[in-house]
Amino acid sequence: MPTGRPSRQRIFEMLDTARVDLEMIGGLPEPMVFSDVWAKIWTEETHNSTAIEGNTLRLRQVQLLLGDGIVSGSQKELSEWLEAKAYGDAARWVYNEAFAQRPNAPRISEVEIREIHTRVVAPVWAHFPPEGLVRGEVAGAYRLSDHDPLRPGLPPTPCNHVASQLADWVEAANEKSLWVGEHLI
């Protein structure tokens, strides 16, 4: 049995299988129907997504923080707790919005993306503004300055192109199908 991380191809295959399974049963159940399943998805998504960005909280710490409001093992930086809490709150908002009944509404809008950004970063920026933040840059707004690459080979979009690229992405996301690389999502 292979160990370690699955290949990107294997992940796409698993996602395709999960998507087909979801289509067969009519989609995900509403959060209130399977609250324990949604709680697990919520905490794992929060943990994994913030860990990708360098957050060192353990899954159990994120579970206690989001589920009970308990901060445990308080040797972690305050910014990590704020980041996990803000991300978790934003994720819950997204889940609820996904199940809100809005006939003829697009899948996602620029306003919603900006709201998500505000919910994720504003609580952290209030106490720990990012290095290089220029006057006038606020959560939920387009950045006003260019940034250095996060890592080699991953250059950020120039600030004067962000709005148009986001508009293009929103348009593509709201089409019937969206392709990422060679994969339909």
N, C-alpha and C. Protein backbone atom coordinates (compact mmCIF):
# COMPACT_ATOMS: atom_id res chain seq x y z
N MET A 1 0.85 -1.18 0.00
CA MET A 1 0.00 0.00 0.00
C MET A 1 0.89 1.24 0.00
N PRO A 2 0.65 2.19 -0.93
CA PRO A 2 1.49 3.38 -0.99
C PRO A 2 1.31 4.26 0.25
N THR A 3 2.39 4.92 0.62
CA THR A 3 2.33 5.84 1.75
C THR A 3 2.67 7.23 1.26
N GLY A 4 2.45 8.21 2.11
CA GLY A 4 2.74 9.58 1.74
C GLY A 4 1.55 10.24 1.06
N ARG A 5 1.82 11.39 0.48
CA ARG A 5 0.76 12.15 -0.17
C ARG A 5 0.38 11.53 -1.49
N PRO A 6 -0.94 11.56 -1.83
CA PRO A 6 -1.34 11.07 -3.14
C PRO A 6 -0.88 12.03 -4.23
N SER A 7 -0.74 11.52 -5.43
CA SER A 7 -0.34 12.36 -6.55
C SER A 7 -1.47 13.32 -6.89
N ARG A 8 -1.13 14.37 -7.60
CA ARG A 8 -2.14 15.33 -8.03
C ARG A 8 -3.20 14.63 -8.88
N GLN A 9 -2.76 13.73 -9.76
CA GLN A 9 -3.69 12.98 -10.60
C GLN A 9 -4.65 12.17 -9.74
N ARG A 10 -4.13 11.52 -8.69
CA ARG A 10 -4.98 10.72 -7.80
C ARG A 10 -5.99 11.61 -7.07
N ILE A 11 -5.56 12.79 -6.65
CA ILE A 11 -6.48 13.72 -5.98
C ILE A 11 -7.60 14.13 -6.93
N PHE A 12 -7.27 14.45 -8.18
CA PHE A 12 -8.30 14.81 -9.16
C PHE A 12 -9.26 13.63 -9.40
N GLU A 13 -8.72 12.41 -9.45
CA GLU A 13 -9.58 11.24 -9.62
C GLU A 13 -10.53 11.09 -8.43
N MET A 14 -10.02 11.30 -7.22
CA MET A 14 -10.86 11.19 -6.02
C MET A 14 -11.93 12.28 -6.02
N LEU A 15 -11.56 13.50 -6.44
CA LEU A 15 -12.54 14.58 -6.52
C LEU A 15 -13.61 14.29 -7.56
N ASP A 16 -13.20 13.74 -8.71
CA ASP A 16 -14.17 13.38 -9.74
C ASP A 16 -15.15 12.33 -9.21
N THR A 17 -14.64 11.33 -8.51
CA THR A 17 -15.49 10.29 -7.94
C THR A 17 -16.45 10.89 -6.91
N ALA A 18 -15.94 11.76 -6.05
CA ALA A 18 -16.78 12.39 -5.03
C ALA A 18 -17.86 13.26 -5.69
N ARG A 19 -17.50 13.98 -6.74
CA ARG A 19 -18.47 14.83 -7.43
C ARG A 19 -19.58 13.98 -8.04
N VAL A 20 -19.23 12.87 -8.68
CA VAL A 20 -20.23 11.98 -9.26
C VAL A 20 -21.13 11.42 -8.16
N ASP A 21 -20.54 11.00 -7.05
CA ASP A 21 -21.33 10.49 -5.93
C ASP A 21 -22.31 11.55 -5.42
N LEU A 22 -21.83 12.79 -5.29
CA LEU A 22 -22.70 13.88 -4.83
C LEU A 22 -23.84 14.14 -5.80
N GLU A 23 -23.53 14.10 -7.09
CA GLU A 23 -24.58 14.31 -8.09
C GLU A 23 -25.64 13.21 -8.02
N MET A 24 -25.20 11.98 -7.74
CA MET A 24 -26.14 10.85 -7.67
C MET A 24 -27.11 11.01 -6.50
N ILE A 25 -26.67 11.60 -5.40
CA ILE A 25 -27.56 11.75 -4.25
C ILE A 25 -28.20 13.13 -4.18
N GLY A 26 -27.96 13.96 -5.20
CA GLY A 26 -28.60 15.27 -5.25
C GLY A 26 -27.82 16.36 -4.54
N GLY A 27 -26.54 16.17 -4.31
CA GLY A 27 -25.72 17.20 -3.69
C GLY A 27 -25.54 16.98 -2.20
N LEU A 28 -24.83 17.90 -1.58
CA LEU A 28 -24.59 17.82 -0.15
C LEU A 28 -25.86 18.09 0.64
N PRO A 29 -26.01 17.44 1.78
CA PRO A 29 -27.16 17.76 2.62
C PRO A 29 -26.97 19.13 3.27
N GLU A 30 -28.07 19.75 3.65
CA GLU A 30 -27.96 21.03 4.32
C GLU A 30 -27.20 20.86 5.63
N PRO A 31 -26.46 21.89 6.05
CA PRO A 31 -25.66 21.78 7.26
C PRO A 31 -26.44 21.32 8.48
N MET A 32 -27.69 21.71 8.63
CA MET A 32 -28.44 21.31 9.81
C MET A 32 -28.88 19.85 9.77
N VAL A 33 -28.86 19.22 8.61
CA VAL A 33 -29.27 17.83 8.49
C VAL A 33 -28.20 16.89 9.04
N PHE A 34 -26.97 17.12 8.68
CA PHE A 34 -25.86 16.30 9.15
C PHE A 34 -24.84 17.21 9.84
N SER A 35 -25.24 17.80 10.95
CA SER A 35 -24.39 18.79 11.60
C SER A 35 -23.05 18.22 12.03
N ASP A 36 -23.01 16.94 12.43
CA ASP A 36 -21.73 16.36 12.85
C ASP A 36 -20.78 16.21 11.67
N VAL A 37 -21.32 15.85 10.50
CA VAL A 37 -20.48 15.73 9.30
C VAL A 37 -19.96 17.11 8.89
N TRP A 38 -20.86 18.11 8.90
CA TRP A 38 -20.46 19.46 8.54
C TRP A 38 -19.44 20.02 9.53
N ALA A 39 -19.60 19.73 10.81
CA ALA A 39 -18.64 20.21 11.81
C ALA A 39 -17.26 19.64 11.54
N LYS A 40 -17.20 18.38 11.16
CA LYS A 40 -15.91 17.76 10.85
C LYS A 40 -15.29 18.39 9.60
N ILE A 41 -16.11 18.58 8.56
CA ILE A 41 -15.61 19.23 7.34
C ILE A 41 -15.10 20.63 7.68
N TRP A 42 -15.87 21.36 8.47
CA TRP A 42 -15.55 22.74 8.84
C TRP A 42 -14.23 22.82 9.59
N THR A 43 -14.04 21.99 10.59
CA THR A 43 -12.80 22.07 11.38
C THR A 43 -11.61 21.58 10.58
N GLU A 44 -11.79 20.52 9.80
CA GLU A 44 -10.66 20.02 9.01
C GLU A 44 -10.28 21.01 7.91
N GLU A 45 -11.28 21.62 7.27
CA GLU A 45 -10.97 22.62 6.25
C GLU A 45 -10.22 23.79 6.88
N THR A 46 -10.70 24.26 8.03
CA THR A 46 -10.05 25.38 8.71
C THR A 46 -8.61 25.02 9.07
N HIS A 47 -8.43 23.85 9.65
CA HIS A 47 -7.08 23.44 10.03
C HIS A 47 -6.16 23.32 8.82
N ASN A 48 -6.62 22.60 7.81
CA ASN A 48 -5.76 22.35 6.65
C ASN A 48 -5.47 23.63 5.86
N SER A 49 -6.47 24.47 5.69
CA SER A 49 -6.26 25.69 4.92
C SER A 49 -5.33 26.66 5.63
N THR A 50 -5.47 26.79 6.93
CA THR A 50 -4.57 27.70 7.66
C THR A 50 -3.18 27.08 7.78
N ALA A 51 -3.10 25.76 7.85
CA ALA A 51 -1.78 25.11 7.91
C ALA A 51 -0.99 25.34 6.61
N ILE A 52 -1.69 25.36 5.48
CA ILE A 52 -1.03 25.63 4.20
C ILE A 52 -0.33 26.98 4.25
N GLU A 53 -0.94 27.92 4.96
CA GLU A 53 -0.38 29.27 5.08
C GLU A 53 0.64 29.39 6.22
N GLY A 54 0.95 28.28 6.89
CA GLY A 54 1.98 28.30 7.92
C GLY A 54 1.47 28.27 9.35
N ASN A 55 0.16 28.20 9.56
CA ASN A 55 -0.39 28.15 10.90
C ASN A 55 -0.01 26.81 11.53
N THR A 56 0.45 26.84 12.79
CA THR A 56 0.95 25.62 13.44
C THR A 56 -0.03 25.02 14.45
N LEU A 57 -1.25 25.52 14.51
CA LEU A 57 -2.23 24.91 15.42
C LEU A 57 -2.49 23.48 14.99
N ARG A 58 -2.68 22.62 15.96
CA ARG A 58 -3.02 21.22 15.66
C ARG A 58 -4.53 21.13 15.42
N LEU A 59 -4.93 20.06 14.76
CA LEU A 59 -6.34 19.85 14.45
C LEU A 59 -7.18 19.90 15.73
N ARG A 60 -6.74 19.25 16.79
CA ARG A 60 -7.51 19.24 18.05
C ARG A 60 -7.65 20.66 18.61
N GLN A 61 -6.62 21.47 18.48
CA GLN A 61 -6.71 22.85 18.96
C GLN A 61 -7.75 23.64 18.15
N VAL A 62 -7.78 23.41 16.85
CA VAL A 62 -8.76 24.08 15.99
C VAL A 62 -10.17 23.60 16.35
N GLN A 63 -10.32 22.31 16.62
CA GLN A 63 -11.63 21.78 17.01
C GLN A 63 -12.12 22.44 18.29
N LEU A 64 -11.26 22.56 19.29
CA LEU A 64 -11.64 23.19 20.55
C LEU A 64 -11.94 24.67 20.36
N LEU A 65 -11.14 25.34 19.55
CA LEU A 65 -11.33 26.77 19.30
C LEU A 65 -12.68 27.03 18.62
N LEU A 66 -12.95 26.31 17.54
CA LEU A 66 -14.17 26.54 16.78
C LEU A 66 -15.41 25.98 17.47
N GLY A 67 -15.25 24.82 18.09
CA GLY A 67 -16.41 24.17 18.70
C GLY A 67 -16.81 24.75 20.05
N ASP A 68 -15.81 25.06 20.88
CA ASP A 68 -16.09 25.47 22.26
C ASP A 68 -15.52 26.83 22.62
N GLY A 69 -14.79 27.45 21.70
CA GLY A 69 -14.17 28.73 22.01
C GLY A 69 -13.01 28.61 22.98
N ILE A 70 -12.42 27.43 23.06
CA ILE A 70 -11.34 27.17 24.01
C ILE A 70 -9.99 27.31 23.31
N VAL A 71 -9.12 28.08 23.92
CA VAL A 71 -7.74 28.21 23.45
C VAL A 71 -6.91 27.30 24.35
N SER A 72 -6.29 26.28 23.74
CA SER A 72 -5.51 25.32 24.52
C SER A 72 -4.07 25.33 24.04
N GLY A 73 -3.16 25.02 24.95
CA GLY A 73 -1.75 25.03 24.56
C GLY A 73 -1.35 26.41 24.12
N SER A 74 -1.59 27.40 24.97
CA SER A 74 -1.51 28.80 24.59
C SER A 74 -0.11 29.31 24.27
N GLN A 75 0.82 28.44 24.01
CA GLN A 75 2.16 28.88 23.61
C GLN A 75 2.19 29.36 22.16
N LYS A 76 1.11 29.15 21.46
CA LYS A 76 1.04 29.59 20.07
C LYS A 76 0.88 31.11 20.02
N GLU A 77 1.22 31.66 18.89
CA GLU A 77 1.07 33.10 18.69
C GLU A 77 -0.41 33.48 18.62
N LEU A 78 -0.74 34.63 19.17
CA LEU A 78 -2.12 35.11 19.12
C LEU A 78 -2.60 35.21 17.68
N SER A 79 -1.73 35.59 16.78
CA SER A 79 -2.13 35.73 15.38
C SER A 79 -2.61 34.40 14.80
N GLU A 80 -2.06 33.28 15.24
CA GLU A 80 -2.49 31.97 14.74
C GLU A 80 -3.91 31.64 15.22
N TRP A 81 -4.20 31.98 16.47
CA TRP A 81 -5.55 31.74 17.00
C TRP A 81 -6.56 32.62 16.26
N LEU A 82 -6.21 33.90 16.06
CA LEU A 82 -7.10 34.81 15.35
C LEU A 82 -7.32 34.35 13.92
N GLU A 83 -6.25 33.90 13.29
CA GLU A 83 -6.35 33.43 11.90
C GLU A 83 -7.28 32.24 11.78
N ALA A 84 -7.12 31.25 12.66
CA ALA A 84 -7.96 30.05 12.61
C ALA A 84 -9.41 30.39 12.91
N LYS A 85 -9.64 31.24 13.90
CA LYS A 85 -11.01 31.62 14.26
C LYS A 85 -11.66 32.39 13.11
N ALA A 86 -10.94 33.35 12.53
CA ALA A 86 -11.49 34.14 11.44
C ALA A 86 -11.78 33.26 10.22
N TYR A 87 -10.86 32.36 9.89
CA TYR A 87 -11.07 31.48 8.75
C TYR A 87 -12.29 30.59 9.00
N GLY A 88 -12.37 30.02 10.21
CA GLY A 88 -13.51 29.16 10.55
C GLY A 88 -14.83 29.91 10.46
N ASP A 89 -14.86 31.13 10.97
CA ASP A 89 -16.08 31.93 10.89
C ASP A 89 -16.45 32.24 9.44
N ALA A 90 -15.44 32.55 8.63
CA ALA A 90 -15.70 32.83 7.22
C ALA A 90 -16.20 31.58 6.50
N ALA A 91 -15.60 30.43 6.81
CA ALA A 91 -16.04 29.18 6.18
C ALA A 91 -17.48 28.88 6.54
N ARG A 92 -17.85 29.07 7.79
CA ARG A 92 -19.24 28.84 8.20
C ARG A 92 -20.18 29.78 7.43
N TRP A 93 -19.78 31.02 7.27
CA TRP A 93 -20.59 31.97 6.51
C TRP A 93 -20.77 31.47 5.07
N VAL A 94 -19.67 30.99 4.46
CA VAL A 94 -19.73 30.48 3.09
C VAL A 94 -20.68 29.29 3.01
N TYR A 95 -20.60 28.35 3.96
CA TYR A 95 -21.48 27.18 3.95
C TYR A 95 -22.95 27.62 4.00
N ASN A 96 -23.23 28.56 4.89
CA ASN A 96 -24.62 29.04 5.02
C ASN A 96 -25.09 29.75 3.76
N GLU A 97 -24.21 30.55 3.17
CA GLU A 97 -24.56 31.23 1.93
C GLU A 97 -24.82 30.23 0.80
N ALA A 98 -24.07 29.15 0.77
CA ALA A 98 -24.22 28.15 -0.28
C ALA A 98 -25.60 27.50 -0.24
N PHE A 99 -26.20 27.44 0.93
CA PHE A 99 -27.51 26.81 1.05
C PHE A 99 -28.66 27.79 1.10
N ALA A 100 -28.36 29.08 1.05
CA ALA A 100 -29.42 30.08 1.03
C ALA A 100 -30.15 29.99 -0.31
N GLN A 101 -31.43 30.11 -0.28
CA GLN A 101 -32.23 30.01 -1.51
C GLN A 101 -32.22 31.35 -2.23
N ARG A 102 -31.58 31.40 -3.40
CA ARG A 102 -31.53 32.62 -4.21
C ARG A 102 -31.77 32.23 -5.66
N PRO A 103 -33.03 32.18 -6.07
CA PRO A 103 -33.33 31.80 -7.45
C PRO A 103 -32.63 32.74 -8.44
N ASN A 104 -32.09 32.15 -9.48
CA ASN A 104 -31.44 32.87 -10.57
C ASN A 104 -30.18 33.63 -10.16
N ALA A 105 -29.67 33.40 -8.97
CA ALA A 105 -28.45 34.07 -8.53
C ALA A 105 -27.24 33.32 -9.10
N PRO A 106 -26.15 34.03 -9.37
CA PRO A 106 -24.94 33.34 -9.83
C PRO A 106 -24.36 32.47 -8.71
N ARG A 107 -23.50 31.53 -9.08
CA ARG A 107 -22.85 30.68 -8.07
C ARG A 107 -22.09 31.51 -7.06
N ILE A 108 -21.37 32.50 -7.56
CA ILE A 108 -20.55 33.34 -6.70
C ILE A 108 -20.43 34.71 -7.34
N SER A 109 -20.21 35.71 -6.52
CA SER A 109 -20.07 37.06 -7.04
C SER A 109 -18.81 37.70 -6.47
N GLU A 110 -18.40 38.77 -7.11
CA GLU A 110 -17.24 39.52 -6.62
C GLU A 110 -17.52 40.05 -5.22
N VAL A 111 -18.74 40.48 -4.96
CA VAL A 111 -19.10 40.99 -3.64
C VAL A 111 -18.90 39.91 -2.58
N GLU A 112 -19.29 38.67 -2.90
CA GLU A 112 -19.12 37.58 -1.94
C GLU A 112 -17.64 37.28 -1.70
N ILE A 113 -16.84 37.31 -2.75
CA ILE A 113 -15.41 37.05 -2.59
C ILE A 113 -14.79 38.12 -1.71
N ARG A 114 -15.17 39.35 -1.92
CA ARG A 114 -14.63 40.43 -1.09
C ARG A 114 -15.11 40.31 0.36
N GLU A 115 -16.32 39.85 0.55
CA GLU A 115 -16.84 39.62 1.90
C GLU A 115 -16.05 38.50 2.59
N ILE A 116 -15.76 37.44 1.86
CA ILE A 116 -14.96 36.35 2.42
C ILE A 116 -13.59 36.87 2.84
N HIS A 117 -12.97 37.65 1.97
CA HIS A 117 -11.65 38.20 2.28
C HIS A 117 -11.72 39.05 3.55
N THR A 118 -12.75 39.87 3.66
CA THR A 118 -12.91 40.70 4.85
C THR A 118 -13.04 39.83 6.10
N ARG A 119 -13.87 38.82 6.03
CA ARG A 119 -14.09 37.94 7.19
C ARG A 119 -12.83 37.17 7.58
N VAL A 120 -12.03 36.80 6.59
CA VAL A 120 -10.82 36.01 6.88
C VAL A 120 -9.70 36.89 7.45
N VAL A 121 -9.47 38.06 6.88
CA VAL A 121 -8.28 38.81 7.29
C VAL A 121 -8.50 39.98 8.23
N ALA A 122 -9.68 40.58 8.24
CA ALA A 122 -9.89 41.77 9.07
C ALA A 122 -9.61 41.52 10.56
N PRO A 123 -10.07 40.41 11.15
CA PRO A 123 -9.78 40.19 12.57
C PRO A 123 -8.27 40.07 12.87
N VAL A 124 -7.53 39.55 11.93
CA VAL A 124 -6.08 39.42 12.12
C VAL A 124 -5.39 40.76 11.86
N TRP A 125 -5.75 41.41 10.75
CA TRP A 125 -5.12 42.68 10.40
C TRP A 125 -5.36 43.75 11.45
N ALA A 126 -6.46 43.66 12.20
CA ALA A 126 -6.73 44.66 13.24
C ALA A 126 -5.62 44.69 14.28
N HIS A 127 -4.97 43.55 14.51
CA HIS A 127 -3.91 43.45 15.51
C HIS A 127 -2.54 43.21 14.90
N PHE A 128 -2.53 42.57 13.73
CA PHE A 128 -1.27 42.20 13.08
C PHE A 128 -1.33 42.53 11.59
N PRO A 129 -1.25 43.82 11.26
CA PRO A 129 -1.31 44.17 9.83
C PRO A 129 -0.11 43.55 9.10
N PRO A 130 -0.33 43.09 7.89
CA PRO A 130 0.77 42.46 7.15
C PRO A 130 1.86 43.46 6.81
N GLU A 131 3.07 42.96 6.75
CA GLU A 131 4.20 43.79 6.36
C GLU A 131 3.96 44.30 4.94
N GLY A 132 4.21 45.56 4.71
CA GLY A 132 4.06 46.13 3.38
C GLY A 132 2.67 46.67 3.09
N LEU A 133 1.74 46.56 4.04
CA LEU A 133 0.40 47.10 3.83
C LEU A 133 0.51 48.62 3.71
N VAL A 134 -0.04 49.15 2.63
CA VAL A 134 0.06 50.60 2.42
C VAL A 134 -1.21 51.28 2.90
N ARG A 135 -1.08 52.56 3.18
CA ARG A 135 -2.22 53.35 3.65
C ARG A 135 -3.36 53.24 2.65
N GLY A 136 -4.54 52.96 3.14
CA GLY A 136 -5.70 52.82 2.28
C GLY A 136 -6.04 51.39 1.92
N GLU A 137 -5.10 50.46 2.11
CA GLU A 137 -5.40 49.06 1.83
C GLU A 137 -6.17 48.48 3.01
N VAL A 138 -7.33 47.93 2.71
CA VAL A 138 -8.17 47.35 3.76
C VAL A 138 -8.67 45.98 3.32
N ALA A 139 -9.08 45.21 4.30
CA ALA A 139 -9.63 43.89 4.01
C ALA A 139 -10.85 44.03 3.11
N GLY A 140 -10.96 43.16 2.12
CA GLY A 140 -12.10 43.17 1.22
C GLY A 140 -11.96 44.09 0.04
N ALA A 141 -10.87 44.83 -0.03
CA ALA A 141 -10.64 45.76 -1.15
C ALA A 141 -9.46 45.24 -1.97
N TYR A 142 -9.34 45.75 -3.17
CA TYR A 142 -8.20 45.37 -3.99
C TYR A 142 -6.94 46.02 -3.44
N ARG A 143 -5.84 45.27 -3.55
CA ARG A 143 -4.59 45.84 -3.03
C ARG A 143 -4.13 46.98 -3.92
N LEU A 144 -3.40 47.89 -3.29
CA LEU A 144 -2.96 49.10 -3.97
C LEU A 144 -1.49 49.07 -4.33
N SER A 145 -0.82 48.01 -3.95
CA SER A 145 0.61 47.92 -4.23
C SER A 145 0.95 46.51 -4.68
N ASP A 146 2.09 46.39 -5.33
CA ASP A 146 2.56 45.07 -5.75
C ASP A 146 3.34 44.43 -4.62
N HIS A 147 3.39 43.11 -4.65
CA HIS A 147 4.08 42.34 -3.62
C HIS A 147 5.14 41.45 -4.26
N ASP A 148 6.11 41.08 -3.45
CA ASP A 148 7.10 40.11 -3.88
C ASP A 148 6.44 38.74 -3.96
N PRO A 149 6.99 37.84 -4.76
CA PRO A 149 6.43 36.49 -4.83
C PRO A 149 6.43 35.83 -3.46
N LEU A 150 5.38 35.03 -3.19
CA LEU A 150 5.31 34.29 -1.94
C LEU A 150 6.42 33.25 -1.88
N ARG A 151 6.71 32.65 -3.03
CA ARG A 151 7.80 31.68 -3.17
C ARG A 151 8.22 31.68 -4.63
N PRO A 152 9.41 31.21 -4.91
CA PRO A 152 9.89 31.22 -6.29
C PRO A 152 8.89 30.53 -7.23
N GLY A 153 8.67 31.16 -8.37
CA GLY A 153 7.78 30.60 -9.37
C GLY A 153 6.31 30.89 -9.12
N LEU A 154 6.00 31.68 -8.08
CA LEU A 154 4.62 31.99 -7.76
C LEU A 154 4.44 33.50 -7.65
N PRO A 155 4.60 34.19 -8.80
CA PRO A 155 4.48 35.64 -8.75
C PRO A 155 3.02 36.08 -8.58
N PRO A 156 2.78 37.09 -7.76
CA PRO A 156 1.41 37.57 -7.61
C PRO A 156 1.00 38.40 -8.82
N THR A 157 -0.28 38.48 -9.03
CA THR A 157 -0.82 39.32 -10.09
C THR A 157 -0.49 40.77 -9.77
N PRO A 158 -0.03 41.55 -10.75
CA PRO A 158 0.18 42.98 -10.48
C PRO A 158 -1.12 43.62 -9.98
N CYS A 159 -0.99 44.55 -9.06
CA CYS A 159 -2.18 45.12 -8.41
C CYS A 159 -3.17 45.73 -9.41
N ASN A 160 -2.68 46.30 -10.50
CA ASN A 160 -3.59 46.92 -11.46
C ASN A 160 -4.31 45.91 -12.35
N HIS A 161 -4.03 44.60 -12.18
CA HIS A 161 -4.71 43.56 -12.96
C HIS A 161 -5.64 42.71 -12.10
N VAL A 162 -5.60 42.89 -10.78
CA VAL A 162 -6.35 42.02 -9.89
C VAL A 162 -7.86 42.09 -10.17
N ALA A 163 -8.41 43.28 -10.28
CA ALA A 163 -9.86 43.43 -10.49
C ALA A 163 -10.31 42.73 -11.77
N SER A 164 -9.59 42.91 -12.86
CA SER A 164 -10.02 42.30 -14.12
C SER A 164 -9.85 40.78 -14.08
N GLN A 165 -8.78 40.29 -13.45
CA GLN A 165 -8.60 38.84 -13.36
C GLN A 165 -9.65 38.20 -12.46
N LEU A 166 -10.01 38.89 -11.38
CA LEU A 166 -11.07 38.37 -10.52
C LEU A 166 -12.40 38.35 -11.27
N ALA A 167 -12.68 39.40 -12.02
CA ALA A 167 -13.92 39.44 -12.81
C ALA A 167 -13.95 38.29 -13.81
N ASP A 168 -12.83 38.01 -14.46
CA ASP A 168 -12.76 36.89 -15.41
C ASP A 168 -13.01 35.56 -14.71
N TRP A 169 -12.40 35.40 -13.51
CA TRP A 169 -12.57 34.15 -12.77
C TRP A 169 -14.02 33.98 -12.34
N VAL A 170 -14.65 35.04 -11.85
CA VAL A 170 -16.04 34.96 -11.42
C VAL A 170 -16.93 34.58 -12.61
N GLU A 171 -16.68 35.18 -13.76
CA GLU A 171 -17.45 34.84 -14.96
C GLU A 171 -17.29 33.36 -15.30
N ALA A 172 -16.05 32.86 -15.27
CA ALA A 172 -15.82 31.45 -15.57
C ALA A 172 -16.47 30.55 -14.52
N ALA A 173 -16.39 30.92 -13.26
CA ALA A 173 -16.98 30.11 -12.19
C ALA A 173 -18.49 30.04 -12.32
N ASN A 174 -19.09 31.04 -12.88
CA ASN A 174 -20.54 31.06 -13.00
C ASN A 174 -21.05 30.42 -14.29
N GLU A 175 -20.13 29.99 -15.16
CA GLU A 175 -20.53 29.22 -16.32
C GLU A 175 -20.91 27.82 -15.85
N LYS A 176 -21.56 27.07 -16.72
CA LYS A 176 -22.04 25.74 -16.32
C LYS A 176 -20.91 24.85 -15.82
N SER A 177 -19.75 24.91 -16.44
CA SER A 177 -18.63 24.09 -15.99
C SER A 177 -17.37 24.95 -15.94
N LEU A 178 -16.48 24.56 -15.08
CA LEU A 178 -15.24 25.30 -14.90
C LEU A 178 -14.08 24.33 -15.00
N TRP A 179 -13.13 24.64 -15.86
CA TRP A 179 -11.98 23.78 -16.05
C TRP A 179 -10.77 24.37 -15.33
N VAL A 180 -10.04 23.52 -14.61
CA VAL A 180 -8.78 23.90 -13.99
C VAL A 180 -7.74 22.96 -14.61
N GLY A 181 -6.84 23.54 -15.38
CA GLY A 181 -5.90 22.69 -16.11
C GLY A 181 -6.69 21.80 -17.05
N GLU A 182 -6.54 20.51 -16.88
CA GLU A 182 -7.26 19.54 -17.72
C GLU A 182 -8.49 18.98 -17.01
N HIS A 183 -8.83 19.53 -15.84
CA HIS A 183 -9.85 18.92 -15.01
C HIS A 183 -11.08 19.81 -14.87
N LEU A 184 -12.23 19.19 -15.02
CA LEU A 184 -13.50 19.87 -14.82
C LEU A 184 -13.81 19.87 -13.33
N ILE A 185 -14.11 21.06 -12.80
CA ILE A 185 -14.51 21.11 -11.38
C ILE A 185 -15.90 21.67 -11.26
